[in-house]
């Protein structure tokens, strides 16, 4: 936007406080482990089956993104996408607009 136009905004408007949704951490056992991402690597004989990705937190407070993974040689586990390793999170953060978690969200 050109700054020399009369009445032009110099910065983006600040959203009202009602639009900021705050969630809370929930036990990892409540996370949706539904497999909805399947990637088949036929050339190496591997099929990856993952849930949606969630923000999770482990016992030490480390926060990272992970997804539930099933069927890789009979093992099921949470997979840390950044560290590329299995993990054992204790909590997850549901998406604030997901209707399954409306009762657990608060607005400021």
PDB file of N, CA and C in Angstrom:
ATOM      1  N   UNK A   1       0.836  -1.171   0.000  1.00  0.00           N
ATOM      2  CA  UNK A   1       0.000   0.000   0.000  1.00  0.00           C
ATOM      3  C   UNK A   1       0.881   1.234   0.000  1.00  0.00           C
ATOM      4  N   UNK A   2       0.527   2.210  -0.798  1.00  0.00           N
ATOM      5  CA  UNK A   2       1.321   3.427  -0.885  1.00  0.00           C
ATOM      6  C   UNK A   2       1.088   4.300   0.338  1.00  0.00           C
ATOM      7  N   UNK A   3       2.159   4.793   0.924  1.00  0.00           N
ATOM      8  CA  UNK A   3       2.076   5.624   2.129  1.00  0.00           C
ATOM      9  C   UNK A   3       1.630   7.038   1.800  1.00  0.00           C
ATOM     10  N   UNK A   4       1.777   7.458   0.522  1.00  0.00           N
ATOM     11  CA  UNK A   4       1.447   8.834   0.183  1.00  0.00           C
ATOM     12  C   UNK A   4      -0.042   9.029  -0.143  1.00  0.00           C
ATOM     13  N   UNK A   5      -0.831   7.967  -0.139  1.00  0.00           N
ATOM     14  CA  UNK A   5      -2.259   8.087  -0.393  1.00  0.00           C
ATOM     15  C   UNK A   5      -2.931   8.560   0.889  1.00  0.00           C
ATOM     16  N   UNK A   6      -3.720   9.624   0.767  1.00  0.00           N
ATOM     17  CA  UNK A   6      -4.369  10.198   1.935  1.00  0.00           C
ATOM     18  C   UNK A   6      -5.287   9.160   2.575  1.00  0.00           C
ATOM     19  N   UNK A   7      -5.127   8.971   3.885  1.00  0.00           N
ATOM     20  CA  UNK A   7      -5.966   8.038   4.621  1.00  0.00           C
ATOM     21  C   UNK A   7      -5.472   6.608   4.586  1.00  0.00           C
ATOM     22  N   UNK A   8      -4.326   6.377   3.962  1.00  0.00           N
ATOM     23  CA  UNK A   8      -3.806   5.009   3.890  1.00  0.00           C
ATOM     24  C   UNK A   8      -3.338   4.556   5.259  1.00  0.00           C
ATOM     25  N   UNK A   9      -3.588   3.321   5.545  1.00  0.00           N
ATOM     26  CA  UNK A   9      -3.159   2.757   6.829  1.00  0.00           C
ATOM     27  C   UNK A   9      -1.665   2.513   6.805  1.00  0.00           C
ATOM     28  N   UNK A  10      -1.003   2.831   7.903  1.00  0.00           N
ATOM     29  CA  UNK A  10       0.438   2.625   7.965  1.00  0.00           C
ATOM     30  C   UNK A  10       0.796   1.239   8.490  1.00  0.00           C
ATOM     31  N   UNK A  11      -0.144   0.589   9.179  1.00  0.00           N
ATOM     32  CA  UNK A  11       0.118  -0.737   9.721  1.00  0.00           C
ATOM     33  C   UNK A  11      -1.168  -1.548   9.682  1.00  0.00           C
ATOM     34  N   UNK A  12      -1.016  -2.857   9.755  1.00  0.00           N
ATOM     35  CA  UNK A  12      -2.193  -3.726   9.765  1.00  0.00           C
ATOM     36  C   UNK A  12      -2.988  -3.487  11.047  1.00  0.00           C
ATOM     37  N   UNK A  13      -4.311  -3.549  10.964  1.00  0.00           N
ATOM     38  CA  UNK A  13      -5.119  -3.328  12.163  1.00  0.00           C
ATOM     39  C   UNK A  13      -4.886  -4.430  13.190  1.00  0.00           C
ATOM     40  N   UNK A  14      -4.964  -4.069  14.437  1.00  0.00           N
ATOM     41  CA  UNK A  14      -4.809  -5.036  15.516  1.00  0.00           C
ATOM     42  C   UNK A  14      -6.126  -5.773  15.711  1.00  0.00           C
ATOM     43  N   UNK A  15      -6.101  -7.110  15.715  1.00  0.00           N
ATOM     44  CA  UNK A  15      -7.346  -7.845  15.900  1.00  0.00           C
ATOM     45  C   UNK A  15      -7.914  -7.610  17.298  1.00  0.00           C
ATOM     46  N   UNK A  16      -9.215  -7.703  17.393  1.00  0.00           N
ATOM     47  CA  UNK A  16      -9.850  -7.504  18.696  1.00  0.00           C
ATOM     48  C   UNK A  16      -9.480  -8.656  19.624  1.00  0.00           C
ATOM     49  N   UNK A  17      -9.484  -8.433  20.939  1.00  0.00           N
ATOM     50  CA  UNK A  17      -9.119  -9.493  21.880  1.00  0.00           C
ATOM     51  C   UNK A  17     -10.007 -10.722  21.769  1.00  0.00           C
ATOM     52  N   UNK A  18     -11.236 -10.560  21.304  1.00  0.00           N
ATOM     53  CA  UNK A  18     -12.143 -11.698  21.200  1.00  0.00           C
ATOM     54  C   UNK A  18     -11.686 -12.724  20.173  1.00  0.00           C
ATOM     55  N   UNK A  19     -10.811 -12.335  19.243  1.00  0.00           N
ATOM     56  CA  UNK A  19     -10.377 -13.265  18.214  1.00  0.00           C
ATOM     57  C   UNK A  19      -9.179 -14.104  18.644  1.00  0.00           C
ATOM     58  N   UNK A  20      -8.586 -13.800  19.765  1.00  0.00           N
ATOM     59  CA  UNK A  20      -7.444 -14.572  20.252  1.00  0.00           C
ATOM     60  C   UNK A  20      -7.952 -15.736  21.079  1.00  0.00           C
ATOM     61  N   UNK A  21      -7.723 -16.950  20.598  1.00  0.00           N
ATOM     62  CA  UNK A  21      -8.194 -18.143  21.286  1.00  0.00           C
ATOM     63  C   UNK A  21      -7.019 -18.785  22.007  1.00  0.00           C
ATOM     64  N   UNK A  22      -7.216 -19.115  23.247  1.00  0.00           N
ATOM     65  CA  UNK A  22      -6.168 -19.732  24.053  1.00  0.00           C
ATOM     66  C   UNK A  22      -6.593 -21.157  24.382  1.00  0.00           C
ATOM     67  N   UNK A  23      -5.695 -22.092  24.179  1.00  0.00           N
ATOM     68  CA  UNK A  23      -5.979 -23.490  24.515  1.00  0.00           C
ATOM     69  C   UNK A  23      -5.166 -23.895  25.712  1.00  0.00           C
ATOM     70  N   UNK A  24      -5.476 -25.060  26.209  1.00  0.00           N
ATOM     71  CA  UNK A  24      -4.685 -25.601  27.300  1.00  0.00           C
ATOM     72  C   UNK A  24      -4.154 -26.972  26.885  1.00  0.00           C
ATOM     73  N   UNK A  25      -3.142 -27.401  27.575  1.00  0.00           N
ATOM     74  CA  UNK A  25      -2.557 -28.710  27.309  1.00  0.00           C
ATOM     75  C   UNK A  25      -3.501 -29.774  27.838  1.00  0.00           C
ATOM     76  N   UNK A  26      -3.667 -30.855  27.076  1.00  0.00           N
ATOM     77  CA  UNK A  26      -4.511 -31.979  27.461  1.00  0.00           C
ATOM     78  C   UNK A  26      -3.665 -33.245  27.513  1.00  0.00           C
ATOM     79  N   UNK A  27      -4.103 -34.253  28.275  1.00  0.00           N
ATOM     80  CA  UNK A  27      -3.346 -35.510  28.324  1.00  0.00           C
ATOM     81  C   UNK A  27      -3.206 -36.134  26.934  1.00  0.00           C
ATOM     82  N   UNK A  28      -2.047 -36.679  26.647  1.00  0.00           N
ATOM     83  CA  UNK A  28      -1.769 -37.247  25.325  1.00  0.00           C
ATOM     84  C   UNK A  28      -2.732 -38.381  24.986  1.00  0.00           C
ATOM     85  N   UNK A  29      -3.266 -39.056  25.989  1.00  0.00           N
ATOM     86  CA  UNK A  29      -4.215 -40.149  25.747  1.00  0.00           C
ATOM     87  C   UNK A  29      -5.482 -39.659  25.055  1.00  0.00           C
ATOM     88  N   UNK A  30      -5.789 -38.367  25.136  1.00  0.00           N
ATOM     89  CA  UNK A  30      -6.985 -37.810  24.505  1.00  0.00           C
ATOM     90  C   UNK A  30      -6.750 -37.376  23.054  1.00  0.00           C
ATOM     91  N   UNK A  31      -5.520 -37.400  22.601  1.00  0.00           N
ATOM     92  CA  UNK A  31      -5.210 -36.969  21.230  1.00  0.00           C
ATOM     93  C   UNK A  31      -5.816 -37.933  20.217  1.00  0.00           C
ATOM     94  N   UNK A  32      -6.231 -37.409  19.084  1.00  0.00           N
ATOM     95  CA  UNK A  32      -6.826 -38.213  18.017  1.00  0.00           C
ATOM     96  C   UNK A  32      -5.723 -38.935  17.253  1.00  0.00           C
ATOM     97  N   UNK A  33      -5.686 -40.251  17.383  1.00  0.00           N
ATOM     98  CA  UNK A  33      -4.660 -41.061  16.713  1.00  0.00           C
ATOM     99  C   UNK A  33      -5.132 -41.636  15.384  1.00  0.00           C
ATOM    100  N   UNK A  34      -6.202 -41.078  14.843  1.00  0.00           N
ATOM    101  CA  UNK A  34      -6.731 -41.557  13.570  1.00  0.00           C
ATOM    102  C   UNK A  34      -5.685 -41.399  12.466  1.00  0.00           C
ATOM    103  N   UNK A  35      -5.424 -42.485  11.755  1.00  0.00           N
ATOM    104  CA  UNK A  35      -4.460 -42.457  10.653  1.00  0.00           C
ATOM    105  C   UNK A  35      -5.146 -41.841   9.433  1.00  0.00           C
ATOM    106  N   UNK A  36      -4.642 -40.698   8.981  1.00  0.00           N
ATOM    107  CA  UNK A  36      -5.219 -40.054   7.808  1.00  0.00           C
ATOM    108  C   UNK A  36      -4.158 -39.579   6.816  1.00  0.00           C
ATOM    109  N   UNK A  37      -2.921 -39.977   7.017  1.00  0.00           N
ATOM    110  CA  UNK A  37      -1.841 -39.675   6.072  1.00  0.00           C
ATOM    111  C   UNK A  37      -1.087 -40.982   5.818  1.00  0.00           C
ATOM    112  N   UNK A  38      -1.199 -41.495   4.606  1.00  0.00           N
ATOM    113  CA  UNK A  38      -0.512 -42.740   4.246  1.00  0.00           C
ATOM    114  C   UNK A  38       0.398 -42.456   3.060  1.00  0.00           C
ATOM    115  N   UNK A  39       1.683 -42.773   3.228  1.00  0.00           N
ATOM    116  CA  UNK A  39       2.664 -42.580   2.166  1.00  0.00           C
ATOM    117  C   UNK A  39       3.319 -43.926   1.888  1.00  0.00           C
ATOM    118  N   UNK A  40       3.239 -44.374   0.656  1.00  0.00           N
ATOM    119  CA  UNK A  40       3.765 -45.682   0.273  1.00  0.00           C
ATOM    120  C   UNK A  40       5.069 -45.509  -0.485  1.00  0.00           C
ATOM    121  N   UNK A  41       6.135 -46.049   0.070  1.00  0.00           N
ATOM    122  CA  UNK A  41       7.442 -46.050  -0.588  1.00  0.00           C
ATOM    123  C   UNK A  41       7.697 -47.468  -1.097  1.00  0.00           C
ATOM    124  N   UNK A  42       7.034 -47.829  -2.196  1.00  0.00           N
ATOM    125  CA  UNK A  42       7.111 -49.198  -2.715  1.00  0.00           C
ATOM    126  C   UNK A  42       8.527 -49.602  -3.109  1.00  0.00           C
ATOM    127  N   UNK A  43       9.330 -48.632  -3.546  1.00  0.00           N
ATOM    128  CA  UNK A  43      10.696 -48.973  -3.980  1.00  0.00           C
ATOM    129  C   UNK A  43      11.564 -49.498  -2.846  1.00  0.00           C
ATOM    130  N   UNK A  44      11.226 -49.180  -1.606  1.00  0.00           N
ATOM    131  CA  UNK A  44      12.002 -49.696  -0.470  1.00  0.00           C
ATOM    132  C   UNK A  44      11.144 -50.561   0.467  1.00  0.00           C
ATOM    133  N   UNK A  45       9.886 -50.800   0.060  1.00  0.00           N
ATOM    134  CA  UNK A  45       9.012 -51.676   0.832  1.00  0.00           C
ATOM    135  C   UNK A  45       8.549 -51.096   2.150  1.00  0.00           C
ATOM    136  N   UNK A  46       8.286 -49.793   2.182  1.00  0.00           N
ATOM    137  CA  UNK A  46       7.888 -49.134   3.423  1.00  0.00           C
ATOM    138  C   UNK A  46       6.628 -48.312   3.192  1.00  0.00           C
ATOM    139  N   UNK A  47       5.699 -48.399   4.133  1.00  0.00           N
ATOM    140  CA  UNK A  47       4.499 -47.578   4.107  1.00  0.00           C
ATOM    141  C   UNK A  47       4.430 -46.810   5.413  1.00  0.00           C
ATOM    142  N   UNK A  48       4.365 -45.478   5.323  1.00  0.00           N
ATOM    143  CA  UNK A  48       4.245 -44.638   6.510  1.00  0.00           C
ATOM    144  C   UNK A  48       2.781 -44.306   6.724  1.00  0.00           C
ATOM    145  N   UNK A  49       2.298 -44.521   7.952  1.00  0.00           N
ATOM    146  CA  UNK A  49       0.915 -44.238   8.311  1.00  0.00           C
ATOM    147  C   UNK A  49       0.933 -43.323   9.528  1.00  0.00           C
ATOM    148  N   UNK A  50       0.433 -42.090   9.342  1.00  0.00           N
ATOM    149  CA  UNK A  50       0.489 -41.100  10.412  1.00  0.00           C
ATOM    150  C   UNK A  50      -0.855 -40.428  10.639  1.00  0.00           C
ATOM    151  N   UNK A  51      -1.020 -39.938  11.874  1.00  0.00           N
ATOM    152  CA  UNK A  51      -2.159 -39.095  12.215  1.00  0.00           C
ATOM    153  C   UNK A  51      -1.837 -37.665  11.820  1.00  0.00           C
ATOM    154  N   UNK A  52      -2.756 -36.753  12.122  1.00  0.00           N
ATOM    155  CA  UNK A  52      -2.441 -35.341  11.992  1.00  0.00           C
ATOM    156  C   UNK A  52      -1.292 -35.009  12.939  1.00  0.00           C
ATOM    157  N   UNK A  53      -0.626 -33.905  12.692  1.00  0.00           N
ATOM    158  CA  UNK A  53       0.474 -33.463  13.545  1.00  0.00           C
ATOM    159  C   UNK A  53      -0.074 -32.574  14.650  1.00  0.00           C
ATOM    160  N   UNK A  54       0.416 -32.778  15.863  1.00  0.00           N
ATOM    161  CA  UNK A  54       0.020 -31.991  17.026  1.00  0.00           C
ATOM    162  C   UNK A  54       1.242 -31.351  17.664  1.00  0.00           C
ATOM    163  N   UNK A  55       1.021 -30.220  18.346  1.00  0.00           N
ATOM    164  CA  UNK A  55       2.045 -29.694  19.233  1.00  0.00           C
ATOM    165  C   UNK A  55       1.944 -30.519  20.495  1.00  0.00           C
ATOM    166  N   UNK A  56       3.064 -31.097  20.928  1.00  0.00           N
ATOM    167  CA  UNK A  56       3.088 -31.942  22.114  1.00  0.00           C
ATOM    168  C   UNK A  56       4.171 -31.450  23.071  1.00  0.00           C
ATOM    169  N   UNK A  57       4.083 -31.962  24.292  1.00  0.00           N
ATOM    170  CA  UNK A  57       5.065 -31.576  25.316  1.00  0.00           C
ATOM    171  C   UNK A  57       5.439 -32.833  26.096  1.00  0.00           C
ATOM    172  N   UNK A  58       6.740 -32.987  26.398  1.00  0.00           N
ATOM    173  CA  UNK A  58       7.174 -34.150  27.161  1.00  0.00           C
ATOM    174  C   UNK A  58       7.315 -33.803  28.648  1.00  0.00           C
ATOM    175  N   UNK A  59       7.707 -34.773  29.445  1.00  0.00           N
ATOM    176  CA  UNK A  59       7.825 -34.574  30.903  1.00  0.00           C
ATOM    177  C   UNK A  59       8.755 -33.433  31.276  1.00  0.00           C
ATOM    178  N   UNK A  60       9.779 -33.188  30.464  1.00  0.00           N
ATOM    179  CA  UNK A  60      10.761 -32.136  30.754  1.00  0.00           C
ATOM    180  C   UNK A  60      10.307 -30.758  30.283  1.00  0.00           C
ATOM    181  N   UNK A  61       9.120 -30.681  29.655  1.00  0.00           N
ATOM    182  CA  UNK A  61       8.608 -29.400  29.184  1.00  0.00           C
ATOM    183  C   UNK A  61       9.013 -29.047  27.770  1.00  0.00           C
ATOM    184  N   UNK A  62       9.759 -29.922  27.081  1.00  0.00           N
ATOM    185  CA  UNK A  62      10.147 -29.659  25.700  1.00  0.00           C
ATOM    186  C   UNK A  62       8.907 -29.720  24.824  1.00  0.00           C
ATOM    187  N   UNK A  63       8.719 -28.725  23.967  1.00  0.00           N
ATOM    188  CA  UNK A  63       7.565 -28.634  23.083  1.00  0.00           C
ATOM    189  C   UNK A  63       8.021 -28.842  21.646  1.00  0.00           C
ATOM    190  N   UNK A  64       7.291 -29.670  20.894  1.00  0.00           N
ATOM    191  CA  UNK A  64       7.659 -29.997  19.524  1.00  0.00           C
ATOM    192  C   UNK A  64       6.442 -30.543  18.794  1.00  0.00           C
ATOM    193  N   UNK A  65       6.556 -30.725  17.485  1.00  0.00           N
ATOM    194  CA  UNK A  65       5.470 -31.288  16.691  1.00  0.00           C
ATOM    195  C   UNK A  65       5.678 -32.777  16.517  1.00  0.00           C
ATOM    196  N   UNK A  66       4.584 -33.539  16.725  1.00  0.00           N
ATOM    197  CA  UNK A  66       4.664 -34.985  16.589  1.00  0.00           C
ATOM    198  C   UNK A  66       3.355 -35.518  16.014  1.00  0.00           C
ATOM    199  N   UNK A  67       3.430 -36.715  15.447  1.00  0.00           N
ATOM    200  CA  UNK A  67       2.256 -37.398  14.912  1.00  0.00           C
ATOM    201  C   UNK A  67       2.296 -38.843  15.376  1.00  0.00           C
ATOM    202  N   UNK A  68       1.124 -39.462  15.508  1.00  0.00           N
ATOM    203  CA  UNK A  68       1.030 -40.872  15.842  1.00  0.00           C
ATOM    204  C   UNK A  68       1.359 -41.668  14.586  1.00  0.00           C
ATOM    205  N   UNK A  69       2.190 -42.682  14.721  1.00  0.00           N
ATOM    206  CA  UNK A  69       2.611 -43.508  13.594  1.00  0.00           C
ATOM    207  C   UNK A  69       2.268 -44.960  13.901  1.00  0.00           C
ATOM    208  N   UNK A  70       1.692 -45.648  12.924  1.00  0.00           N
ATOM    209  CA  UNK A  70       1.294 -47.048  13.117  1.00  0.00           C
ATOM    210  C   UNK A  70       1.857 -47.952  12.041  1.00  0.00           C
ATOM    211  N   UNK A  71       2.085 -49.206  12.441  1.00  0.00           N
ATOM    212  CA  UNK A  71       2.348 -50.263  11.489  1.00  0.00           C
ATOM    213  C   UNK A  71       3.738 -50.380  10.929  1.00  0.00           C
ATOM    214  N   UNK A  72       4.683 -49.603  11.390  1.00  0.00           N
ATOM    215  CA  UNK A  72       6.049 -49.737  10.892  1.00  0.00           C
ATOM    216  C   UNK A  72       6.726 -50.903  11.599  1.00  0.00           C
ATOM    217  N   UNK A  73       6.671 -52.067  10.939  1.00  0.00           N
ATOM    218  CA  UNK A  73       7.231 -53.307  11.485  1.00  0.00           C
ATOM    219  C   UNK A  73       6.603 -53.662  12.829  1.00  0.00           C
ATOM    220  N   UNK A  74       5.282 -53.415  12.947  1.00  0.00           N
ATOM    221  CA  UNK A  74       4.546 -53.799  14.144  1.00  0.00           C
ATOM    222  C   UNK A  74       4.650 -52.840  15.314  1.00  0.00           C
ATOM    223  N   UNK A  75       5.322 -51.724  15.127  1.00  0.00           N
ATOM    224  CA  UNK A  75       5.482 -50.757  16.221  1.00  0.00           C
ATOM    225  C   UNK A  75       4.550 -49.575  16.023  1.00  0.00           C
ATOM    226  N   UNK A  76       3.964 -49.096  17.124  1.00  0.00           N
ATOM    227  CA  UNK A  76       3.150 -47.892  17.124  1.00  0.00           C
ATOM    228  C   UNK A  76       3.794 -46.904  18.090  1.00  0.00           C
ATOM    229  N   UNK A  77       3.915 -45.644  17.696  1.00  0.00           N
ATOM    230  CA  UNK A  77       4.598 -44.666  18.549  1.00  0.00           C
ATOM    231  C   UNK A  77       4.318 -43.249  18.076  1.00  0.00           C
ATOM    232  N   UNK A  78       4.633 -42.273  18.941  1.00  0.00           N
ATOM    233  CA  UNK A  78       4.606 -40.866  18.565  1.00  0.00           C
ATOM    234  C   UNK A  78       5.938 -40.548  17.903  1.00  0.00           C
ATOM    235  N   UNK A  79       5.892 -39.806  16.788  1.00  0.00           N
ATOM    236  CA  UNK A  79       7.086 -39.492  16.012  1.00  0.00           C
ATOM    237  C   UNK A  79       7.345 -37.994  16.033  1.00  0.00           C
ATOM    238  N   UNK A  80       8.528 -37.600  16.494  1.00  0.00           N
ATOM    239  CA  UNK A  80       8.963 -36.203  16.524  1.00  0.00           C
ATOM    240  C   UNK A  80       9.494 -35.856  15.142  1.00  0.00           C
ATOM    241  N   UNK A  81       8.823 -34.932  14.442  1.00  0.00           N
ATOM    242  CA  UNK A  81       9.206 -34.593  13.078  1.00  0.00           C
ATOM    243  C   UNK A  81      10.524 -33.842  13.008  1.00  0.00           C
ATOM    244  N   UNK A  82      10.828 -33.021  13.998  1.00  0.00           N
ATOM    245  CA  UNK A  82      12.070 -32.252  13.971  1.00  0.00           C
ATOM    246  C   UNK A  82      13.282 -33.114  14.288  1.00  0.00           C
ATOM    247  N   UNK A  83      13.197 -33.898  15.347  1.00  0.00           N
ATOM    248  CA  UNK A  83      14.326 -34.739  15.751  1.00  0.00           C
ATOM    249  C   UNK A  83      14.363 -36.066  14.993  1.00  0.00           C
ATOM    250  N   UNK A  84      13.296 -36.354  14.241  1.00  0.00           N
ATOM    251  CA  UNK A  84      13.194 -37.594  13.474  1.00  0.00           C
ATOM    252  C   UNK A  84      13.460 -38.816  14.345  1.00  0.00           C
ATOM    253  N   UNK A  85      12.641 -38.928  15.411  1.00  0.00           N
ATOM    254  CA  UNK A  85      12.794 -40.062  16.312  1.00  0.00           C
ATOM    255  C   UNK A  85      11.493 -40.317  17.066  1.00  0.00           C
ATOM    256  N   UNK A  86      11.324 -41.538  17.568  1.00  0.00           N
ATOM    257  CA  UNK A  86      10.163 -41.825  18.410  1.00  0.00           C
ATOM    258  C   UNK A  86      10.267 -41.053  19.727  1.00  0.00           C
ATOM    259  N   UNK A  87       9.139 -40.629  20.264  1.00  0.00           N
ATOM    260  CA  UNK A  87       9.110 -39.855  21.506  1.00  0.00           C
ATOM    261  C   UNK A  87       7.959 -40.339  22.381  1.00  0.00           C
ATOM    262  N   UNK A  88       7.937 -39.855  23.606  1.00  0.00           N
ATOM    263  CA  UNK A  88       6.900 -40.233  24.556  1.00  0.00           C
ATOM    264  C   UNK A  88       6.310 -38.976  25.196  1.00  0.00           C
ATOM    265  N   UNK A  89       5.489 -38.207  24.446  1.00  0.00           N
ATOM    266  CA  UNK A  89       4.915 -36.990  25.014  1.00  0.00           C
ATOM    267  C   UNK A  89       3.874 -37.313  26.076  1.00  0.00           C
ATOM    268  N   UNK A  90       3.626 -36.352  26.959  1.00  0.00           N
ATOM    269  CA  UNK A  90       2.629 -36.536  28.011  1.00  0.00           C
ATOM    270  C   UNK A  90       1.402 -35.655  27.795  1.00  0.00           C
ATOM    271  N   UNK A  91       1.539 -34.590  26.976  1.00  0.00           N
ATOM    272  CA  UNK A  91       0.434 -33.678  26.729  1.00  0.00           C
ATOM    273  C   UNK A  91       0.430 -33.236  25.271  1.00  0.00           C
ATOM    274  N   UNK A  92      -0.726 -32.746  24.812  1.00  0.00           N
ATOM    275  CA  UNK A  92      -0.819 -32.180  23.468  1.00  0.00           C
ATOM    276  C   UNK A  92      -1.691 -30.940  23.513  1.00  0.00           C
ATOM    277  N   UNK A  93      -1.535 -30.108  22.487  1.00  0.00           N
ATOM    278  CA  UNK A  93      -2.312 -28.877  22.359  1.00  0.00           C
ATOM    279  C   UNK A  93      -3.267 -29.057  21.176  1.00  0.00           C
ATOM    280  N   UNK A  94      -4.581 -29.161  21.443  1.00  0.00           N
ATOM    281  CA  UNK A  94      -5.518 -29.295  20.323  1.00  0.00           C
ATOM    282  C   UNK A  94      -5.624 -27.980  19.559  1.00  0.00           C
ATOM    283  N   UNK A  95      -6.000 -28.070  18.289  1.00  0.00           N
ATOM    284  CA  UNK A  95      -6.201 -26.856  17.507  1.00  0.00           C
ATOM    285  C   UNK A  95      -7.351 -26.076  18.136  1.00  0.00           C
ATOM    286  N   UNK A  96      -7.195 -24.784  18.345  1.00  0.00           N
ATOM    287  CA  UNK A  96      -8.216 -24.014  19.060  1.00  0.00           C
ATOM    288  C   UNK A  96      -9.565 -23.916  18.350  1.00  0.00           C
ATOM    289  N   UNK A  97      -9.608 -24.187  17.056  1.00  0.00           N
ATOM    290  CA  UNK A  97     -10.871 -24.104  16.332  1.00  0.00           C
ATOM    291  C   UNK A  97     -11.465 -25.474  16.004  1.00  0.00           C
ATOM    292  N   UNK A  98     -10.833 -26.536  16.456  1.00  0.00           N
ATOM    293  CA  UNK A  98     -11.342 -27.881  16.226  1.00  0.00           C
ATOM    294  C   UNK A  98     -12.590 -28.079  17.085  1.00  0.00           C
ATOM    295  N   UNK A  99     -13.736 -28.380  16.487  1.00  0.00           N
ATOM    296  CA  UNK A  99     -14.981 -28.487  17.261  1.00  0.00           C
ATOM    297  C   UNK A  99     -14.961 -29.573  18.333  1.00  0.00           C
ATOM    298  N   UNK A 100     -14.074 -30.563  18.214  1.00  0.00           N
ATOM    299  CA  UNK A 100     -13.988 -31.598  19.244  1.00  0.00           C
ATOM    300  C   UNK A 100     -13.478 -31.050  20.575  1.00  0.00           C
ATOM    301  N   UNK A 101     -12.829 -29.875  20.544  1.00  0.00           N
ATOM    302  CA  UNK A 101     -12.191 -29.355  21.733  1.00  0.00           C
ATOM    303  C   UNK A 101     -12.754 -28.004  22.168  1.00  0.00           C
ATOM    304  N   UNK A 102     -13.913 -27.615  21.633  1.00  0.00           N
ATOM    305  CA  UNK A 102     -14.493 -26.318  21.960  1.00  0.00           C
ATOM    306  C   UNK A 102     -14.669 -26.139  23.459  1.00  0.00           C
ATOM    307  N   UNK A 103     -15.070 -27.173  24.156  1.00  0.00           N
ATOM    308  CA  UNK A 103     -15.290 -27.075  25.600  1.00  0.00           C
ATOM    309  C   UNK A 103     -14.002 -26.808  26.360  1.00  0.00           C
ATOM    310  N   UNK A 104     -12.839 -27.055  25.743  1.00  0.00           N
ATOM    311  CA  UNK A 104     -11.568 -26.861  26.442  1.00  0.00           C
ATOM    312  C   UNK A 104     -10.872 -25.583  26.060  1.00  0.00           C
ATOM    313  N   UNK A 105     -11.491 -24.753  25.206  1.00  0.00           N
ATOM    314  CA  UNK A 105     -10.861 -23.503  24.808  1.00  0.00           C
ATOM    315  C   UNK A 105     -11.460 -22.346  25.570  1.00  0.00           C
ATOM    316  N   UNK A 106     -10.689 -21.290  25.642  1.00  0.00           N
ATOM    317  CA  UNK A 106     -11.137 -20.070  26.311  1.00  0.00           C
ATOM    318  C   UNK A 106     -10.817 -18.896  25.401  1.00  0.00           C
ATOM    319  N   UNK A 107     -11.603 -17.842  25.473  1.00  0.00           N
ATOM    320  CA  UNK A 107     -11.274 -16.634  24.729  1.00  0.00           C
ATOM    321  C   UNK A 107     -10.870 -15.564  25.704  1.00  0.00           C
ATOM    322  N   UNK A 108      -9.949 -14.725  25.294  1.00  0.00           N
ATOM    323  CA  UNK A 108      -9.496 -13.617  26.143  1.00  0.00           C
ATOM    324  C   UNK A 108     -10.201 -12.351  25.761  1.00  0.00           C
TER     325      UNK A 108
END
